[in-house]
Amino acid sequence: MNLDAELDVWRRQWQSGTTIPLDLRKRVERRSRWMKIGLIADILVTVVMGGGSTVWALRSWQPDTVLLSAAIWLFLAAAWTIVFTFSRGSWSPSAVDTAAFVDLSIRRCRGTLAAIRFAAGLFLCEIAFSLGWIHHYSPEGRKPIWTWLFFSSLRIDIIWLATLAFFGFLIWYRRSQRAELAYLVNLGQSVGTD
């Protein structure tokens, strides 16, 4: 009996005409898939980097490898803090109507824009630590740091190219998210949400 009443309520809600535009529904579903893929990638990075550095530190018991492992775990903790902070409350809409889907999309965009700023800062900290580490422990590290940092080896050049590519991607992605946020805010105003 209770199940029939619940099904009747759902049928009335479905027939009430609160349909969600197909493009908005697809946008939310696509973003949800990417959030899940991102979470899986974060878990893999944590297992590989954190686990690998821990095994290395436990096997060698050298103070420098223990320090490196601790730094890696610190960076991983900062990254997970960013993930949890900016994805909180943005995994599913609060209701099955257009306003809830628009509100969810706006929260996701705003969270992504905030996460981009923190990711850029975290990346700079990681690069500074890594280059300092490499400079200290490499045989080429006896050169003055400024001559070592710029065009001293192919590895350093690859790091700079990867850094440029990363920040180029962040700039492009930020512009994309800002444009999407502007679109969603306008859509939200037309359906009566912020």
Foldseek 3Di string as FASTA:
>chain_A
DVVVVVVVVVVCVVVVPQAAPPVLVVVLVVVLVVLVVVVVVLVVCCCCLLVVLVVVCVVPVDPVSVVVSVVSVVLSVLLVVLSCVLCPPQNDFPDRGHLSSLVSLLSNLVSVLVSLVSVLVSVVVVVVVVLVSCLVPPPVVVPPSVVCQPPPDPVSVVVVVVNVVVVVVSVVVNVVSVVVNVVSVVVNVVVPHD
